[in-house]
Amino acid sequence: MESFVVTIACLLLGMTIKQFKTFPVDTGKVLNLFVIYISLPALILLKIPELDFSANLLVPALMPWAMLLFSAVLILILARWLQWDRATTGCLLLVIPLGNTSFLGIPMVQAFFGEQAIPYALLYDQLGSFLALTTYGSLILALYGGGDQRPTLLTAGKKALVFPPFMALVLALILKFVSYPPLAVKLLTILAATLVPLVMIAVGFQMTLRLERKVISQLSIGLAIKLIIAPLTALLVCQAVGLQGEAVEVAIFEAGMPPMVSAGALAIMANLSPALTAALVGIGIIVSFATLPILYQLLL
């Protein structure tokens, strides 16, 4: 619980410093870049070699794809039934299936499960959410986006290969049976420790809580799917087939993360209902601070 309180405190700190003109408007973006290029790769290099490979590791690697398929099909059914326009449908198809499993997911997993569970969260994020953003996300943008610069699957694949956390994941797997020098371990530990405070301060600094009346219905449906229906479905399915263990619990927990910030940015860029997108991302984070502790209790 102390880790959770610290995480919330960093979020509030980010929201607070945003009010002071001392910090540039792009402070959140700068912090995000540091996390992407330094903190997260360091954490991956430090934690992934600690994994003991077993069949259970398939769960955090495959769960995000199962949740993506489940959420996308449900949204398409609701879009036809409720007669949503293409922009609304495209927004929900892009933002709801993709969770904030890195910037928010890793700090939350650390806060609730502890340091030893972080590798499972990293697998969920890098082999699931991140790859889904570059592939599935590009497909949705191509089908529904109205912008002129819609990425193709080829360009998305190239970006994925040179994405620093993904490169760190590949390197960490290669170095699985190599012992790091003590100095390297110390350096990686220091850099990895910056991830949680920087991420949560950046999230707080960039948080948007704009809400328009016309998007309340779609907002409520989208967050209900992302924060409640999807993780509960994952929990029930795992219980039904007898899947157990911390890797499974972390995967279910990650399935309950709010919409991904990066997916929201792409949706806004493609003019996919910007007001709805901003509300889904901003309010989703706030609501998740109530739903995630409840989900964690269900996992015990």
Protein backbone atom coordinates (compact mmCIF):
# COMPACT_ATOMS: atom_id res chain seq x y z
CA MET A 1 0.00 0.00 0.00
CA GLU A 2 2.91 2.38 0.67
CA SER A 3 4.10 1.97 -2.93
CA PHE A 4 0.60 2.77 -4.19
CA VAL A 5 0.49 5.94 -2.05
CA VAL A 6 3.89 7.00 -3.40
CA THR A 7 2.69 6.40 -6.95
CA ILE A 8 -0.40 8.56 -6.39
CA ALA A 9 1.77 11.24 -4.75
CA CYS A 10 3.96 11.43 -7.86
CA LEU A 11 0.85 11.74 -10.04
CA LEU A 12 -0.45 14.62 -7.89
CA LEU A 13 3.00 16.22 -7.98
CA GLY A 14 2.88 16.19 -11.78
CA MET A 15 -0.57 17.80 -11.75
CA THR A 16 0.66 20.42 -9.27
CA ILE A 17 3.81 21.52 -11.08
CA LYS A 18 1.77 21.91 -14.25
CA GLN A 19 0.17 24.93 -12.59
CA PHE A 20 3.53 26.68 -12.26
CA LYS A 21 4.81 28.52 -15.31
CA THR A 22 8.37 27.62 -14.25
CA PHE A 23 8.05 24.29 -16.06
CA PRO A 24 7.84 24.34 -19.90
CA VAL A 25 4.65 23.09 -21.54
CA ASP A 26 6.55 20.15 -23.06
CA THR A 27 7.90 18.93 -19.69
CA GLY A 28 5.70 15.84 -19.83
CA LYS A 29 7.01 14.94 -23.28
CA VAL A 30 10.63 15.34 -22.18
CA LEU A 31 10.07 13.08 -19.17
CA ASN A 32 8.38 10.51 -21.42
CA LEU A 33 11.36 10.52 -23.78
CA PHE A 34 13.76 9.92 -20.90
CA VAL A 35 11.63 6.99 -19.74
CA ILE A 36 11.41 5.48 -23.23
CA TYR A 37 15.11 5.82 -24.04
CA ILE A 38 16.70 5.34 -20.60
CA SER A 39 14.51 4.18 -17.69
CA LEU A 40 12.42 1.49 -19.37
CA PRO A 41 15.29 -0.14 -21.32
CA ALA A 42 17.34 -0.20 -18.09
CA LEU A 43 14.48 -1.88 -16.23
CA ILE A 44 14.04 -4.44 -19.03
CA LEU A 45 17.76 -5.28 -19.09
CA LEU A 46 17.71 -5.65 -15.31
CA LYS A 47 14.51 -7.66 -14.83
CA ILE A 48 13.95 -9.86 -17.90
CA PRO A 49 17.03 -12.06 -17.28
CA GLU A 50 15.51 -12.89 -13.86
CA LEU A 51 12.58 -14.72 -15.49
CA ASP A 52 12.34 -18.47 -15.11
CA PHE A 53 10.93 -19.61 -18.43
CA SER A 54 7.81 -21.75 -18.11
CA ALA A 55 4.45 -22.30 -19.79
CA ASN A 56 2.96 -19.62 -17.50
CA LEU A 57 4.92 -16.95 -19.39
CA LEU A 58 2.65 -17.54 -22.38
CA VAL A 59 -0.21 -15.95 -20.44
CA PRO A 60 1.21 -12.40 -20.17
CA ALA A 61 2.43 -12.67 -23.78
CA LEU A 62 -0.91 -13.83 -25.23
CA MET A 63 -3.41 -12.18 -22.87
CA PRO A 64 -3.19 -8.70 -24.49
CA TRP A 65 -3.99 -10.18 -27.90
CA ALA A 66 -6.98 -12.05 -26.50
CA MET A 67 -8.22 -8.87 -24.82
CA LEU A 68 -7.68 -6.92 -28.04
CA LEU A 69 -9.79 -9.37 -30.03
CA PHE A 70 -12.51 -9.49 -27.36
CA SER A 71 -12.72 -5.69 -27.03
CA ALA A 72 -12.62 -5.00 -30.78
CA VAL A 73 -15.43 -7.48 -31.54
CA LEU A 74 -17.56 -6.07 -28.71
CA ILE A 75 -17.03 -2.50 -29.94
CA LEU A 76 -17.93 -3.43 -33.52
CA ILE A 77 -21.16 -5.06 -32.31
CA LEU A 78 -22.06 -2.00 -30.22
CA ALA A 79 -21.12 0.37 -33.05
CA ARG A 80 -23.61 -1.33 -35.38
CA TRP A 81 -26.29 -1.57 -32.70
CA LEU A 82 -25.95 2.02 -31.45
CA GLN A 83 -25.18 3.44 -34.92
CA TRP A 84 -21.97 5.22 -34.01
CA ASP A 85 -20.32 7.29 -36.72
CA ARG A 86 -16.98 6.20 -38.22
CA ALA A 87 -14.92 8.62 -36.14
CA THR A 88 -16.40 7.37 -32.87
CA THR A 89 -16.05 3.73 -33.92
CA GLY A 90 -12.45 4.24 -35.02
CA CYS A 91 -11.61 6.06 -31.80
CA LEU A 92 -12.99 3.29 -29.60
CA LEU A 93 -11.42 0.54 -31.74
CA LEU A 94 -8.01 2.18 -31.38
CA VAL A 95 -8.08 3.41 -27.78
CA ILE A 96 -10.08 0.78 -25.86
CA PRO A 97 -8.28 -2.48 -26.85
CA LEU A 98 -4.85 -0.94 -26.12
CA GLY A 99 -4.07 -0.44 -22.44
CA ASN A 100 -1.65 1.85 -20.65
CA THR A 101 0.38 -1.21 -19.65
CA SER A 102 3.78 0.48 -19.60
CA PHE A 103 3.63 4.04 -18.25
CA LEU A 104 0.87 3.22 -15.78
CA GLY A 105 0.90 -0.57 -15.77
CA ILE A 106 4.47 -1.08 -14.57
CA PRO A 107 4.20 1.35 -11.62
CA MET A 108 0.86 -0.20 -10.64
CA VAL A 109 2.20 -3.76 -10.85
CA GLN A 110 5.18 -2.74 -8.73
CA ALA A 111 2.90 -1.04 -6.19
CA PHE A 112 0.48 -3.98 -5.82
CA PHE A 113 2.57 -7.08 -6.57
CA GLY A 114 6.14 -6.00 -5.82
CA GLU A 115 9.43 -5.84 -7.71
CA GLN A 116 9.48 -9.57 -8.53
CA ALA A 117 6.33 -9.23 -10.69
CA ILE A 118 7.70 -6.51 -12.97
CA PRO A 119 9.11 -8.93 -15.61
CA TYR A 120 5.60 -10.27 -16.26
CA ALA A 121 4.34 -6.73 -16.79
CA LEU A 122 7.24 -6.07 -19.18
CA LEU A 123 6.34 -9.15 -21.23
CA TYR A 124 2.68 -8.11 -21.36
CA ASP A 125 3.64 -4.64 -22.53
CA GLN A 126 6.43 -5.37 -25.02
CA LEU A 127 5.13 -8.60 -26.61
CA GLY A 128 1.50 -7.53 -26.38
CA SER A 129 0.46 -3.90 -26.07
CA PHE A 130 3.43 -2.37 -27.89
CA LEU A 131 3.34 -4.78 -30.83
CA ALA A 132 -0.44 -4.41 -31.00
CA LEU A 133 -0.06 -0.62 -31.22
CA THR A 134 2.34 -0.88 -34.15
CA THR A 135 0.32 -3.50 -36.06
CA TYR A 136 -3.35 -3.41 -35.06
CA GLY A 137 -3.12 0.33 -34.36
CA SER A 138 -1.76 1.03 -37.83
CA LEU A 139 -4.56 -1.03 -39.38
CA ILE A 140 -7.26 0.93 -37.52
CA LEU A 141 -5.67 4.23 -38.52
CA ALA A 142 -5.58 3.11 -42.14
CA LEU A 143 -9.24 2.05 -42.08
CA TYR A 144 -10.74 4.89 -40.04
CA GLY A 145 -8.18 7.71 -39.85
CA GLY A 146 -8.77 10.94 -41.70
CA GLY A 147 -5.21 12.25 -41.54
CA ASP A 148 -2.78 12.44 -44.43
CA GLN A 149 0.09 10.67 -42.64
CA ARG A 150 -1.34 7.25 -41.87
CA PRO A 151 1.40 4.72 -41.13
CA THR A 152 1.57 1.46 -43.07
CA LEU A 153 2.25 -1.92 -41.49
CA LEU A 154 5.74 -1.87 -43.06
CA THR A 155 6.72 1.50 -41.57
CA ALA A 156 5.16 0.49 -38.25
CA GLY A 157 7.19 -2.72 -38.25
CA LYS A 158 10.41 -0.81 -38.90
CA LYS A 159 9.67 1.54 -36.02
CA ALA A 160 8.96 -1.42 -33.74
CA LEU A 161 12.35 -2.97 -34.47
CA VAL A 162 14.26 0.16 -33.48
CA PHE A 163 12.05 1.10 -30.52
CA PRO A 164 14.49 1.28 -27.54
CA PRO A 165 12.45 -0.85 -25.07
CA PHE A 166 11.89 -3.55 -27.70
CA MET A 167 15.60 -3.56 -28.59
CA ALA A 168 16.36 -3.84 -24.86
CA LEU A 169 13.96 -6.79 -24.60
CA VAL A 170 15.72 -8.66 -27.41
CA LEU A 171 19.13 -7.89 -25.87
CA ALA A 172 17.94 -8.98 -22.41
CA LEU A 173 16.75 -12.31 -23.79
CA ILE A 174 20.09 -12.83 -25.52
CA LEU A 175 21.91 -12.04 -22.26
CA LYS A 176 19.65 -14.27 -20.19
CA PHE A 177 22.49 -16.55 -19.11
CA VAL A 178 25.18 -13.87 -18.88
CA SER A 179 26.11 -12.35 -15.53
CA TYR A 180 26.34 -8.55 -15.60
CA PRO A 181 29.39 -6.89 -14.00
CA PRO A 182 28.55 -5.38 -10.57
CA LEU A 183 29.05 -1.85 -11.90
CA ALA A 184 26.57 -2.49 -14.75
CA VAL A 185 24.01 -3.85 -12.28
CA LYS A 186 24.40 -0.77 -10.08
CA LEU A 187 24.03 1.59 -13.05
CA LEU A 188 20.97 -0.24 -14.40
CA THR A 189 19.41 -0.27 -10.93
CA ILE A 190 19.82 3.49 -10.53
CA LEU A 191 18.43 4.24 -13.99
CA ALA A 192 15.54 1.79 -13.64
CA ALA A 193 14.56 3.37 -10.31
CA THR A 194 13.75 6.62 -12.14
CA LEU A 195 10.92 5.00 -14.10
CA VAL A 196 8.06 5.15 -11.59
CA PRO A 197 8.49 8.74 -10.35
CA LEU A 198 9.19 10.15 -13.82
CA VAL A 199 6.31 8.26 -15.44
CA MET A 200 3.73 9.28 -12.86
CA ILE A 201 4.89 12.91 -12.80
CA ALA A 202 4.68 12.97 -16.62
CA VAL A 203 1.20 11.41 -16.57
CA GLY A 204 0.03 13.97 -14.01
CA PHE A 205 1.58 16.83 -15.98
CA GLN A 206 -0.13 15.75 -19.22
CA MET A 207 -3.47 14.69 -17.75
CA THR A 208 -6.53 16.06 -19.53
CA LEU A 209 -9.97 15.86 -17.97
CA ARG A 210 -12.02 17.58 -20.64
CA LEU A 211 -15.54 16.22 -20.89
CA GLU A 212 -18.30 17.14 -23.34
CA ARG A 213 -21.91 16.10 -22.89
CA LYS A 214 -22.15 14.54 -26.34
CA VAL A 215 -19.41 12.00 -25.56
CA ILE A 216 -20.66 10.86 -22.14
CA SER A 217 -22.46 7.79 -23.51
CA GLN A 218 -19.53 6.53 -25.60
CA LEU A 219 -17.11 7.42 -22.79
CA SER A 220 -19.08 5.40 -20.25
CA ILE A 221 -19.35 2.39 -22.56
CA GLY A 222 -15.68 2.52 -23.55
CA LEU A 223 -14.38 2.74 -19.97
CA ALA A 224 -16.79 0.05 -18.81
CA ILE A 225 -15.34 -2.32 -21.43
CA LYS A 226 -11.72 -1.37 -20.70
CA LEU A 227 -11.74 -1.17 -16.91
CA ILE A 228 -14.44 -3.67 -15.92
CA ILE A 229 -15.73 -6.05 -18.59
CA ALA A 230 -12.39 -7.00 -20.21
CA PRO A 231 -10.44 -7.77 -16.99
CA LEU A 232 -13.39 -9.61 -15.41
CA THR A 233 -13.73 -11.71 -18.57
CA ALA A 234 -10.00 -12.49 -18.42
CA LEU A 235 -10.35 -13.44 -14.75
CA LEU A 236 -13.32 -15.74 -15.34
CA VAL A 237 -11.71 -17.45 -18.34
CA CYS A 238 -8.45 -18.05 -16.46
CA GLN A 239 -10.35 -19.48 -13.50
CA ALA A 240 -12.44 -21.68 -15.78
CA VAL A 241 -9.40 -23.26 -17.43
CA GLY A 242 -7.44 -23.52 -14.18
CA LEU A 243 -4.69 -20.99 -14.90
CA GLN A 244 -2.98 -19.82 -11.70
CA GLY A 245 0.16 -18.12 -10.48
CA GLU A 246 1.60 -14.64 -10.30
CA ALA A 247 2.19 -14.41 -14.06
CA VAL A 248 -1.52 -15.03 -14.64
CA GLU A 249 -2.55 -12.55 -11.94
CA VAL A 250 -0.32 -9.82 -13.38
CA ALA A 251 -1.69 -10.46 -16.88
CA ILE A 252 -5.28 -10.08 -15.66
CA PHE A 253 -4.30 -6.97 -13.70
CA GLU A 254 -2.68 -5.44 -16.79
CA ALA A 255 -5.83 -6.21 -18.77
CA GLY A 256 -7.62 -3.74 -16.48
CA MET A 257 -5.34 -0.77 -17.25
CA PRO A 258 -6.95 2.38 -18.69
CA PRO A 259 -6.56 3.39 -22.36
CA MET A 260 -3.03 3.85 -23.70
CA VAL A 261 -1.80 7.44 -23.92
CA SER A 262 0.10 6.76 -27.17
CA ALA A 263 -3.00 5.27 -28.81
CA GLY A 264 -4.94 8.35 -27.74
CA ALA A 265 -2.34 10.63 -29.30
CA LEU A 266 -2.59 8.72 -32.59
CA ALA A 267 -6.38 8.89 -32.51
CA ILE A 268 -6.32 12.66 -32.01
CA MET A 269 -3.74 13.03 -34.79
CA ALA A 270 -6.07 11.11 -37.12
CA ASN A 271 -9.05 13.24 -36.03
CA LEU A 272 -10.89 10.27 -34.55
CA SER A 273 -13.28 12.06 -32.18
CA PRO A 274 -10.60 14.11 -30.34
CA ALA A 275 -12.94 15.14 -27.49
CA LEU A 276 -13.91 11.53 -26.80
CA THR A 277 -10.27 10.39 -27.06
CA ALA A 278 -9.02 12.99 -24.57
CA ALA A 279 -11.79 12.07 -22.13
CA LEU A 280 -11.11 8.33 -22.44
CA VAL A 281 -7.42 8.75 -21.68
CA GLY A 282 -7.64 11.39 -18.94
CA ILE A 283 -10.73 10.22 -17.08
CA GLY A 284 -9.74 6.59 -17.64
CA ILE A 285 -6.59 7.13 -15.57
CA ILE A 286 -8.55 8.72 -12.73
CA VAL A 287 -11.23 6.00 -12.68
CA SER A 288 -8.59 3.25 -12.81
CA PHE A 289 -7.30 4.32 -9.40
CA ALA A 290 -10.62 3.05 -8.05
CA THR A 291 -11.05 -0.03 -10.27
CA LEU A 292 -7.50 -1.42 -10.05
CA PRO A 293 -7.50 -1.92 -6.25
CA ILE A 294 -10.85 -3.72 -6.57
CA LEU A 295 -9.49 -5.92 -9.36
CA TYR A 296 -6.44 -6.71 -7.24
CA GLN A 297 -8.66 -7.82 -4.36
CA LEU A 298 -10.53 -10.16 -6.72
CA LEU A 299 -7.23 -11.75 -7.67
CA LEU A 300 -6.31 -12.63 -4.08
